[in-house]
Amino acid sequence: MYCLQWLLPVLLIPKPLNPALWFNHSMFMGFYLLSFLLERKPCTICALVFLAALFLICYSCWGNCFLYHCHDSTLPDSAHDPSIVGN
């Protein structure tokens, strides 16, 4: 279970408010996870626990899933602020 300390913080990284950065964020997180799984080779139990947690977060649409943006969830109010998002 030692390898979970490197995987679970990845789920806590928030998605950027700017929708234009969602693709870059998801690509970075995907490549990070792929390189971690190939380089560190975590145990099967750790990998299954992490994938189950990722599936539950993405399936429930809590808003922190980096794979895609749930269509039913709304953007935070600060996402419509021009000083944050830009033109």
N, C-alpha and C. Protein backbone atom coordinates (compact mmCIF):
# COMPACT_ATOMS: atom_id res chain seq x y z
N MET A 1 0.81 -1.20 0.00
CA MET A 1 0.00 0.00 0.00
C MET A 1 0.86 1.27 0.00
N TYR A 2 2.16 1.09 -0.02
CA TYR A 2 3.07 2.24 -0.04
C TYR A 2 2.86 3.08 -1.29
N CYS A 3 2.54 2.45 -2.40
CA CYS A 3 2.44 3.17 -3.67
C CYS A 3 1.21 4.07 -3.74
N LEU A 4 0.22 3.86 -2.87
CA LEU A 4 -0.97 4.72 -2.89
C LEU A 4 -0.66 6.14 -2.48
N GLN A 5 0.41 6.34 -1.71
CA GLN A 5 0.74 7.71 -1.30
C GLN A 5 1.20 8.56 -2.48
N TRP A 6 1.56 7.93 -3.59
CA TRP A 6 1.94 8.66 -4.80
C TRP A 6 0.77 8.82 -5.76
N LEU A 7 -0.25 7.98 -5.62
CA LEU A 7 -1.37 8.02 -6.55
C LEU A 7 -2.55 8.85 -6.05
N LEU A 8 -2.88 8.74 -4.78
CA LEU A 8 -4.08 9.42 -4.27
C LEU A 8 -4.02 10.94 -4.33
N PRO A 9 -2.87 11.60 -4.12
CA PRO A 9 -2.86 13.07 -4.27
C PRO A 9 -3.20 13.55 -5.67
N VAL A 10 -3.04 12.69 -6.67
CA VAL A 10 -3.38 13.08 -8.04
C VAL A 10 -4.88 13.38 -8.14
N LEU A 11 -5.69 12.69 -7.36
CA LEU A 11 -7.14 12.92 -7.39
C LEU A 11 -7.53 14.24 -6.76
N LEU A 12 -6.64 14.83 -5.97
CA LEU A 12 -6.95 16.08 -5.28
C LEU A 12 -6.54 17.32 -6.07
N ILE A 13 -5.86 17.16 -7.18
CA ILE A 13 -5.45 18.31 -7.99
C ILE A 13 -6.69 18.86 -8.69
N PRO A 14 -7.03 20.12 -8.45
CA PRO A 14 -8.27 20.66 -9.04
C PRO A 14 -8.12 20.94 -10.53
N LYS A 15 -9.26 20.89 -11.21
CA LYS A 15 -9.27 21.27 -12.62
C LYS A 15 -9.17 22.79 -12.72
N PRO A 16 -8.54 23.30 -13.76
CA PRO A 16 -8.47 24.75 -13.93
C PRO A 16 -9.86 25.35 -14.20
N LEU A 17 -10.03 26.61 -13.80
CA LEU A 17 -11.31 27.28 -14.03
C LEU A 17 -11.52 27.62 -15.50
N ASN A 18 -10.45 27.89 -16.19
CA ASN A 18 -10.54 28.25 -17.60
C ASN A 18 -10.81 27.01 -18.43
N PRO A 19 -11.95 26.95 -19.14
CA PRO A 19 -12.26 25.76 -19.95
C PRO A 19 -11.25 25.49 -21.06
N ALA A 20 -10.51 26.51 -21.49
CA ALA A 20 -9.52 26.29 -22.53
C ALA A 20 -8.35 25.45 -22.03
N LEU A 21 -8.15 25.37 -20.73
CA LEU A 21 -7.04 24.61 -20.18
C LEU A 21 -7.42 23.18 -19.78
N TRP A 22 -8.69 22.81 -19.92
CA TRP A 22 -9.13 21.48 -19.51
C TRP A 22 -8.45 20.39 -20.32
N PHE A 23 -8.29 20.59 -21.62
CA PHE A 23 -7.65 19.58 -22.45
C PHE A 23 -6.18 19.41 -22.05
N ASN A 24 -5.48 20.53 -21.86
CA ASN A 24 -4.07 20.45 -21.45
C ASN A 24 -3.94 19.76 -20.09
N HIS A 25 -4.84 20.07 -19.18
CA HIS A 25 -4.80 19.47 -17.85
C HIS A 25 -5.05 17.96 -17.94
N SER A 26 -6.03 17.56 -18.72
CA SER A 26 -6.33 16.13 -18.82
C SER A 26 -5.20 15.38 -19.50
N MET A 27 -4.56 15.99 -20.50
CA MET A 27 -3.42 15.34 -21.16
C MET A 27 -2.25 15.20 -20.20
N PHE A 28 -1.96 16.25 -19.43
CA PHE A 28 -0.87 16.19 -18.46
C PHE A 28 -1.13 15.11 -17.42
N MET A 29 -2.35 15.06 -16.89
CA MET A 29 -2.67 14.08 -15.86
C MET A 29 -2.63 12.66 -16.43
N GLY A 30 -3.12 12.50 -17.64
CA GLY A 30 -3.08 11.18 -18.27
C GLY A 30 -1.65 10.69 -18.50
N PHE A 31 -0.80 11.58 -19.02
CA PHE A 31 0.59 11.20 -19.25
C PHE A 31 1.34 10.96 -17.93
N TYR A 32 1.00 11.76 -16.90
CA TYR A 32 1.62 11.53 -15.60
C TYR A 32 1.26 10.15 -15.07
N LEU A 33 -0.02 9.80 -15.14
CA LEU A 33 -0.45 8.49 -14.63
C LEU A 33 0.14 7.35 -15.45
N LEU A 34 0.18 7.51 -16.75
CA LEU A 34 0.76 6.48 -17.61
C LEU A 34 2.24 6.29 -17.30
N SER A 35 2.98 7.39 -17.18
CA SER A 35 4.41 7.26 -16.89
C SER A 35 4.64 6.71 -15.49
N PHE A 36 3.77 7.08 -14.53
CA PHE A 36 3.91 6.53 -13.19
C PHE A 36 3.68 5.02 -13.19
N LEU A 37 2.63 4.59 -13.89
CA LEU A 37 2.33 3.16 -13.91
C LEU A 37 3.41 2.36 -14.63
N LEU A 38 4.02 2.94 -15.65
CA LEU A 38 5.08 2.23 -16.37
C LEU A 38 6.41 2.24 -15.63
N GLU A 39 6.71 3.35 -14.95
CA GLU A 39 8.01 3.46 -14.30
C GLU A 39 8.03 2.81 -12.92
N ARG A 40 7.04 3.13 -12.09
CA ARG A 40 7.05 2.64 -10.70
C ARG A 40 6.43 1.26 -10.55
N LYS A 41 5.58 0.87 -11.47
CA LYS A 41 4.91 -0.42 -11.45
C LYS A 41 4.29 -0.71 -10.08
N PRO A 42 3.21 0.03 -9.74
CA PRO A 42 2.60 -0.19 -8.43
C PRO A 42 1.96 -1.58 -8.35
N CYS A 43 1.74 -2.02 -7.13
CA CYS A 43 1.14 -3.34 -6.94
C CYS A 43 -0.29 -3.35 -7.49
N THR A 44 -0.79 -4.51 -7.73
CA THR A 44 -2.12 -4.65 -8.33
C THR A 44 -3.20 -4.07 -7.43
N ILE A 45 -3.09 -4.27 -6.14
CA ILE A 45 -4.10 -3.76 -5.21
C ILE A 45 -4.13 -2.24 -5.25
N CYS A 46 -2.97 -1.60 -5.24
CA CYS A 46 -2.91 -0.14 -5.29
C CYS A 46 -3.50 0.39 -6.59
N ALA A 47 -3.15 -0.25 -7.69
CA ALA A 47 -3.67 0.19 -8.99
C ALA A 47 -5.18 0.03 -9.05
N LEU A 48 -5.70 -1.07 -8.53
CA LEU A 48 -7.15 -1.28 -8.54
C LEU A 48 -7.88 -0.30 -7.62
N VAL A 49 -7.32 -0.01 -6.46
CA VAL A 49 -7.93 0.96 -5.55
C VAL A 49 -7.95 2.34 -6.20
N PHE A 50 -6.85 2.71 -6.85
CA PHE A 50 -6.81 4.02 -7.50
C PHE A 50 -7.80 4.10 -8.66
N LEU A 51 -7.84 3.08 -9.49
CA LEU A 51 -8.76 3.09 -10.63
C LEU A 51 -10.22 3.07 -10.17
N ALA A 52 -10.51 2.38 -9.08
CA ALA A 52 -11.87 2.39 -8.53
C ALA A 52 -12.23 3.78 -8.01
N ALA A 53 -11.30 4.45 -7.32
CA ALA A 53 -11.56 5.80 -6.83
C ALA A 53 -11.74 6.77 -8.00
N LEU A 54 -10.93 6.64 -9.03
CA LEU A 54 -11.06 7.50 -10.21
C LEU A 54 -12.39 7.26 -10.91
N PHE A 55 -12.79 6.01 -11.03
CA PHE A 55 -14.07 5.69 -11.66
C PHE A 55 -15.23 6.28 -10.86
N LEU A 56 -15.19 6.15 -9.54
CA LEU A 56 -16.28 6.67 -8.71
C LEU A 56 -16.36 8.19 -8.77
N ILE A 57 -15.22 8.87 -8.79
CA ILE A 57 -15.22 10.33 -8.89
C ILE A 57 -15.77 10.76 -10.24
N CYS A 58 -15.36 10.11 -11.31
CA CYS A 58 -15.83 10.50 -12.64
C CYS A 58 -17.28 10.10 -12.87
N TYR A 59 -17.69 8.97 -12.31
CA TYR A 59 -19.06 8.51 -12.50
C TYR A 59 -20.06 9.37 -11.74
N SER A 60 -19.65 9.87 -10.57
CA SER A 60 -20.57 10.68 -9.76
C SER A 60 -20.58 12.14 -10.19
N CYS A 61 -19.68 12.56 -11.07
CA CYS A 61 -19.60 13.95 -11.57
C CYS A 61 -19.44 14.95 -10.42
N TRP A 62 -18.51 14.68 -9.54
CA TRP A 62 -18.24 15.62 -8.46
C TRP A 62 -17.50 16.86 -8.95
N GLY A 63 -17.04 16.87 -10.15
CA GLY A 63 -16.40 18.04 -10.72
C GLY A 63 -14.89 18.00 -10.69
N ASN A 64 -14.28 16.98 -10.13
CA ASN A 64 -12.83 16.92 -10.08
C ASN A 64 -12.28 15.84 -11.01
N CYS A 65 -13.10 15.30 -11.87
CA CYS A 65 -12.63 14.29 -12.82
C CYS A 65 -11.85 14.97 -13.93
N PHE A 66 -10.61 14.55 -14.14
CA PHE A 66 -9.79 15.20 -15.16
C PHE A 66 -9.96 14.57 -16.53
N LEU A 67 -10.74 13.49 -16.64
CA LEU A 67 -10.90 12.83 -17.93
C LEU A 67 -11.87 13.58 -18.84
N TYR A 68 -12.94 14.12 -18.28
CA TYR A 68 -13.92 14.85 -19.07
C TYR A 68 -14.72 15.76 -18.16
N HIS A 69 -15.47 16.68 -18.76
CA HIS A 69 -16.33 17.59 -18.01
C HIS A 69 -17.76 17.08 -18.09
N CYS A 70 -18.37 16.88 -16.96
CA CYS A 70 -19.75 16.39 -16.94
C CYS A 70 -20.68 17.47 -17.50
N HIS A 71 -21.58 17.08 -18.36
CA HIS A 71 -22.47 18.05 -19.00
C HIS A 71 -23.51 18.59 -18.05
N ASP A 72 -23.87 17.85 -17.02
CA ASP A 72 -24.88 18.31 -16.09
C ASP A 72 -24.34 19.28 -15.06
N SER A 73 -23.03 19.27 -14.82
CA SER A 73 -22.47 20.16 -13.81
C SER A 73 -22.22 21.54 -14.41
N THR A 74 -22.40 22.54 -13.60
CA THR A 74 -22.22 23.91 -14.06
C THR A 74 -20.83 24.38 -13.66
N LEU A 75 -20.38 25.40 -14.34
CA LEU A 75 -19.10 26.00 -14.01
C LEU A 75 -19.24 26.83 -12.74
N PRO A 76 -18.17 27.00 -12.00
CA PRO A 76 -18.23 27.89 -10.85
C PRO A 76 -18.51 29.32 -11.29
N ASP A 77 -19.05 30.14 -10.38
CA ASP A 77 -19.36 31.53 -10.73
C ASP A 77 -18.11 32.30 -11.14
N SER A 78 -16.98 31.96 -10.56
CA SER A 78 -15.76 32.68 -10.91
C SER A 78 -15.29 32.36 -12.33
N ALA A 79 -15.83 31.31 -12.96
CA ALA A 79 -15.43 30.99 -14.32
C ALA A 79 -15.98 31.99 -15.33
N HIS A 80 -17.01 32.74 -14.94
CA HIS A 80 -17.57 33.74 -15.84
C HIS A 80 -16.98 35.12 -15.61
N ASP A 81 -16.04 35.22 -14.71
CA ASP A 81 -15.38 36.48 -14.41
C ASP A 81 -14.35 36.75 -15.50
N PRO A 82 -14.47 37.86 -16.25
CA PRO A 82 -13.53 38.13 -17.35
C PRO A 82 -12.10 38.31 -16.89
N SER A 83 -11.89 38.70 -15.65
CA SER A 83 -10.51 38.89 -15.18
C SER A 83 -9.81 37.54 -15.01
N ILE A 84 -10.55 36.46 -14.85
CA ILE A 84 -9.95 35.13 -14.70
C ILE A 84 -9.86 34.43 -16.04
N VAL A 85 -10.96 34.40 -16.79
CA VAL A 85 -11.02 33.66 -18.04
C VAL A 85 -10.42 34.42 -19.19
N GLY A 86 -10.61 35.70 -19.23
CA GLY A 86 -10.12 36.50 -20.36
C GLY A 86 -11.24 36.72 -21.36
N ASN A 87 -10.89 37.14 -22.55
CA ASN A 87 -11.92 37.45 -23.57
C ASN A 87 -12.34 36.23 -24.31
